[in-house]
Amino acid sequence: MRLPLAAIRRHASVAVTQGLLELMNDEELEGVIAHELSHVRNYDILTTSIAATIAGAITYLAHMAQWGMLFGGYGGSRDDDREGAGASSRQLP
């Protein structure tokens, strides 16, 4: 699937603020722009976006599992005869 990647590279842009133009001379500005264009050439933004999406999905699934364990456990029903606080309170005189 080269088309989406080529489209991303073709439509990439680098913005420069007025403050940066005033702060740096032409040689420094050229270095900064070359550095930013190297990020575009190496698909760094795409790689970071994919990694962040995968990390977000893993985090979401972990939160779902956490709340599922808190409220539902591993399954079963409320009719299960579990030994817990109820069983120990019956043994008290």
N, C-alpha and C. Protein backbone atom coordinates (compact mmCIF):
# COMPACT_ATOMS: atom_id res chain seq x y z
N MET A 1 0.84 -1.20 0.00
CA MET A 1 0.00 0.00 0.00
C MET A 1 0.88 1.25 0.00
N ARG A 2 1.47 1.55 -1.09
CA ARG A 2 2.33 2.72 -1.18
C ARG A 2 1.53 4.00 -1.33
N LEU A 3 0.35 3.91 -1.87
CA LEU A 3 -0.42 5.12 -2.15
C LEU A 3 -0.68 5.96 -0.91
N PRO A 4 -1.19 5.40 0.22
CA PRO A 4 -1.41 6.26 1.38
C PRO A 4 -0.12 6.88 1.91
N LEU A 5 0.97 6.11 1.91
CA LEU A 5 2.22 6.65 2.40
C LEU A 5 2.74 7.75 1.48
N ALA A 6 2.62 7.53 0.18
CA ALA A 6 3.05 8.55 -0.77
C ALA A 6 2.19 9.81 -0.65
N ALA A 7 0.90 9.61 -0.41
CA ALA A 7 0.01 10.76 -0.26
C ALA A 7 0.36 11.55 0.99
N ILE A 8 0.73 10.85 2.05
CA ILE A 8 1.12 11.54 3.29
C ILE A 8 2.38 12.35 3.05
N ARG A 9 3.34 11.76 2.39
CA ARG A 9 4.60 12.46 2.14
C ARG A 9 4.37 13.64 1.19
N ARG A 10 3.53 13.48 0.18
CA ARG A 10 3.31 14.52 -0.80
C ARG A 10 2.62 15.74 -0.19
N HIS A 11 1.79 15.53 0.81
CA HIS A 11 1.02 16.63 1.40
C HIS A 11 1.59 17.13 2.72
N ALA A 12 2.79 16.72 3.06
CA ALA A 12 3.39 17.16 4.31
C ALA A 12 3.82 18.62 4.21
N SER A 13 3.86 19.28 5.35
CA SER A 13 4.29 20.68 5.36
C SER A 13 5.03 20.96 6.66
N VAL A 14 5.89 21.96 6.62
CA VAL A 14 6.62 22.41 7.79
C VAL A 14 6.30 23.89 7.97
N ALA A 15 5.84 24.26 9.14
CA ALA A 15 5.48 25.65 9.41
C ALA A 15 6.61 26.33 10.20
N VAL A 16 6.84 27.59 9.89
CA VAL A 16 7.87 28.37 10.57
C VAL A 16 7.19 29.63 11.11
N THR A 17 7.37 29.89 12.39
CA THR A 17 6.74 31.07 13.00
C THR A 17 7.58 32.32 12.75
N GLN A 18 6.94 33.44 12.90
CA GLN A 18 7.63 34.72 12.74
C GLN A 18 8.74 34.87 13.78
N GLY A 19 8.50 34.38 14.98
CA GLY A 19 9.50 34.45 16.04
C GLY A 19 10.76 33.67 15.68
N LEU A 20 10.59 32.51 15.06
CA LEU A 20 11.75 31.72 14.64
C LEU A 20 12.52 32.43 13.55
N LEU A 21 11.79 33.05 12.62
CA LEU A 21 12.46 33.80 11.55
C LEU A 21 13.27 34.95 12.11
N GLU A 22 12.76 35.59 13.14
CA GLU A 22 13.46 36.73 13.73
C GLU A 22 14.63 36.27 14.61
N LEU A 23 14.53 35.09 15.20
CA LEU A 23 15.52 34.60 16.15
C LEU A 23 16.76 34.01 15.47
N MET A 24 16.56 33.33 14.34
CA MET A 24 17.66 32.58 13.72
C MET A 24 18.14 33.27 12.44
N ASN A 25 19.42 33.04 12.15
CA ASN A 25 19.93 33.52 10.86
C ASN A 25 19.59 32.47 9.79
N ASP A 26 19.91 32.75 8.54
CA ASP A 26 19.51 31.88 7.42
C ASP A 26 20.12 30.48 7.53
N GLU A 27 21.36 30.39 7.97
CA GLU A 27 22.02 29.09 8.07
C GLU A 27 21.37 28.23 9.14
N GLU A 28 21.05 28.80 10.30
CA GLU A 28 20.38 28.05 11.37
C GLU A 28 18.98 27.63 10.95
N LEU A 29 18.28 28.53 10.28
CA LEU A 29 16.93 28.24 9.82
C LEU A 29 16.94 27.11 8.80
N GLU A 30 17.93 27.11 7.92
CA GLU A 30 18.06 26.04 6.94
C GLU A 30 18.28 24.69 7.64
N GLY A 31 19.08 24.68 8.69
CA GLY A 31 19.31 23.45 9.44
C GLY A 31 18.06 22.94 10.13
N VAL A 32 17.29 23.86 10.71
CA VAL A 32 16.05 23.47 11.39
C VAL A 32 15.05 22.90 10.39
N ILE A 33 14.90 23.56 9.25
CA ILE A 33 13.94 23.08 8.24
C ILE A 33 14.40 21.74 7.67
N ALA A 34 15.71 21.58 7.43
CA ALA A 34 16.22 20.29 6.95
C ALA A 34 15.95 19.19 7.96
N HIS A 35 16.10 19.49 9.23
CA HIS A 35 15.83 18.50 10.28
C HIS A 35 14.36 18.10 10.26
N GLU A 36 13.48 19.07 10.17
CA GLU A 36 12.04 18.77 10.15
C GLU A 36 11.65 18.01 8.90
N LEU A 37 12.24 18.33 7.76
CA LEU A 37 11.94 17.60 6.52
C LEU A 37 12.45 16.17 6.59
N SER A 38 13.51 15.93 7.36
CA SER A 38 13.98 14.55 7.53
C SER A 38 12.95 13.72 8.29
N HIS A 39 12.20 14.35 9.21
CA HIS A 39 11.11 13.65 9.89
C HIS A 39 10.04 13.24 8.88
N VAL A 40 9.74 14.12 7.94
CA VAL A 40 8.74 13.81 6.91
C VAL A 40 9.26 12.67 6.03
N ARG A 41 10.50 12.74 5.61
CA ARG A 41 11.08 11.72 4.73
C ARG A 41 11.09 10.35 5.39
N ASN A 42 11.33 10.28 6.69
CA ASN A 42 11.43 9.01 7.40
C ASN A 42 10.11 8.52 7.98
N TYR A 43 9.01 9.19 7.66
CA TYR A 43 7.67 8.81 8.14
C TYR A 43 7.60 8.76 9.67
N ASP A 44 8.32 9.65 10.34
CA ASP A 44 8.33 9.64 11.80
C ASP A 44 6.96 9.92 12.39
N ILE A 45 6.21 10.83 11.80
CA ILE A 45 4.88 11.16 12.32
C ILE A 45 3.94 9.97 12.16
N LEU A 46 4.03 9.29 11.03
CA LEU A 46 3.18 8.12 10.81
C LEU A 46 3.53 7.02 11.81
N THR A 47 4.81 6.76 12.01
CA THR A 47 5.24 5.74 12.96
C THR A 47 4.79 6.08 14.37
N THR A 48 4.95 7.33 14.77
CA THR A 48 4.52 7.76 16.11
C THR A 48 3.01 7.65 16.26
N SER A 49 2.27 8.00 15.23
CA SER A 49 0.81 7.91 15.29
C SER A 49 0.34 6.47 15.44
N ILE A 50 0.96 5.56 14.70
CA ILE A 50 0.59 4.15 14.81
C ILE A 50 0.94 3.61 16.19
N ALA A 51 2.12 3.95 16.70
CA ALA A 51 2.52 3.48 18.02
C ALA A 51 1.58 4.02 19.11
N ALA A 52 1.19 5.29 18.99
CA ALA A 52 0.28 5.87 19.98
C ALA A 52 -1.10 5.23 19.91
N THR A 53 -1.57 4.90 18.71
CA THR A 53 -2.87 4.25 18.56
C THR A 53 -2.85 2.86 19.18
N ILE A 54 -1.79 2.10 18.94
CA ILE A 54 -1.69 0.77 19.53
C ILE A 54 -1.60 0.85 21.05
N ALA A 55 -0.82 1.80 21.57
CA ALA A 55 -0.71 1.97 23.02
C ALA A 55 -2.06 2.36 23.62
N GLY A 56 -2.80 3.23 22.93
CA GLY A 56 -4.13 3.61 23.41
C GLY A 56 -5.09 2.44 23.43
N ALA A 57 -5.04 1.59 22.40
CA ALA A 57 -5.91 0.43 22.35
C ALA A 57 -5.59 -0.55 23.48
N ILE A 58 -4.30 -0.76 23.73
CA ILE A 58 -3.90 -1.66 24.83
C ILE A 58 -4.36 -1.10 26.17
N THR A 59 -4.21 0.20 26.36
CA THR A 59 -4.64 0.83 27.60
C THR A 59 -6.15 0.71 27.78
N TYR A 60 -6.89 0.92 26.69
CA TYR A 60 -8.35 0.82 26.74
C TYR A 60 -8.77 -0.60 27.13
N LEU A 61 -8.14 -1.60 26.51
CA LEU A 61 -8.47 -2.99 26.84
C LEU A 61 -8.12 -3.32 28.29
N ALA A 62 -7.02 -2.78 28.78
CA ALA A 62 -6.63 -3.01 30.17
C ALA A 62 -7.65 -2.39 31.13
N HIS A 63 -8.13 -1.19 30.80
CA HIS A 63 -9.15 -0.57 31.66
C HIS A 63 -10.45 -1.36 31.62
N MET A 64 -10.82 -1.86 30.45
CA MET A 64 -12.03 -2.68 30.36
C MET A 64 -11.89 -3.94 31.22
N ALA A 65 -10.72 -4.57 31.15
CA ALA A 65 -10.49 -5.77 31.96
C ALA A 65 -10.51 -5.46 33.44
N GLN A 66 -9.94 -4.31 33.81
CA GLN A 66 -9.92 -3.92 35.22
C GLN A 66 -11.34 -3.72 35.74
N TRP A 67 -12.17 -3.00 35.01
CA TRP A 67 -13.54 -2.78 35.46
C TRP A 67 -14.36 -4.07 35.38
N GLY A 68 -14.05 -4.91 34.41
CA GLY A 68 -14.74 -6.20 34.33
C GLY A 68 -14.44 -7.07 35.53
N MET A 69 -13.18 -7.06 35.97
CA MET A 69 -12.82 -7.84 37.15
C MET A 69 -13.45 -7.26 38.41
N LEU A 70 -13.52 -5.95 38.47
CA LEU A 70 -14.09 -5.30 39.65
C LEU A 70 -15.57 -5.61 39.80
N PHE A 71 -16.29 -5.58 38.70
CA PHE A 71 -17.75 -5.75 38.77
C PHE A 71 -18.23 -7.13 38.35
N GLY A 72 -17.45 -7.87 37.56
CA GLY A 72 -17.96 -9.12 37.05
C GLY A 72 -17.15 -10.34 37.40
N GLY A 73 -15.90 -10.17 37.69
CA GLY A 73 -15.06 -11.33 37.96
C GLY A 73 -14.79 -12.11 36.68
N TYR A 74 -14.51 -13.40 36.83
CA TYR A 74 -14.20 -14.24 35.69
C TYR A 74 -15.44 -14.86 35.07
N GLY A 75 -16.57 -14.51 35.51
CA GLY A 75 -17.79 -15.12 34.99
C GLY A 75 -18.58 -15.72 36.13
N GLY A 76 -19.35 -16.73 35.82
CA GLY A 76 -20.18 -17.33 36.86
C GLY A 76 -21.41 -16.48 37.09
N SER A 77 -22.12 -16.79 38.15
CA SER A 77 -23.32 -16.01 38.44
C SER A 77 -23.37 -15.72 39.94
N ARG A 78 -24.33 -14.96 40.33
CA ARG A 78 -24.47 -14.62 41.74
C ARG A 78 -24.97 -15.81 42.57
N ASP A 79 -25.46 -16.82 41.89
CA ASP A 79 -25.98 -17.98 42.61
C ASP A 79 -24.88 -18.95 43.02
N ASP A 80 -23.66 -18.69 42.57
CA ASP A 80 -22.55 -19.57 42.94
C ASP A 80 -22.37 -19.57 44.46
N ASP A 81 -22.06 -20.74 45.02
CA ASP A 81 -21.81 -20.84 46.45
C ASP A 81 -20.33 -20.55 46.69
N ARG A 82 -20.04 -19.32 46.94
CA ARG A 82 -18.65 -18.91 47.16
C ARG A 82 -18.42 -18.79 48.66
N GLU A 83 -17.26 -19.23 49.08
CA GLU A 83 -16.92 -19.06 50.49
C GLU A 83 -16.25 -17.72 50.65
N GLY A 84 -16.87 -16.84 51.34
CA GLY A 84 -16.34 -15.51 51.53
C GLY A 84 -16.75 -15.01 52.90
N ALA A 85 -17.06 -13.76 52.99
CA ALA A 85 -17.45 -13.15 54.26
C ALA A 85 -18.73 -13.79 54.82
N GLY A 86 -19.62 -14.17 53.94
CA GLY A 86 -20.87 -14.79 54.39
C GLY A 86 -20.63 -16.10 55.11
N ALA A 87 -19.74 -16.91 54.58
CA ALA A 87 -19.45 -18.22 55.20
C ALA A 87 -18.77 -18.06 56.54
N SER A 88 -17.85 -17.11 56.65
CA SER A 88 -17.15 -16.94 57.91
C SER A 88 -18.04 -16.29 58.97
N SER A 89 -18.98 -15.48 58.59
CA SER A 89 -19.87 -14.85 59.57
C SER A 89 -20.86 -15.86 60.14
N ARG A 90 -21.17 -16.91 59.42
CA ARG A 90 -22.07 -17.93 59.93
C ARG A 90 -21.42 -18.79 61.00
N GLN A 91 -20.12 -18.81 61.03
CA GLN A 91 -19.41 -19.66 61.99
C GLN A 91 -19.23 -18.96 63.34
N LEU A 92 -19.51 -17.68 63.40
CA LEU A 92 -19.38 -16.97 64.67
C LEU A 92 -20.51 -17.34 65.60
N PRO A 93 -20.24 -17.47 66.93
CA PRO A 93 -21.32 -17.84 67.88
C PRO A 93 -22.34 -16.76 68.08
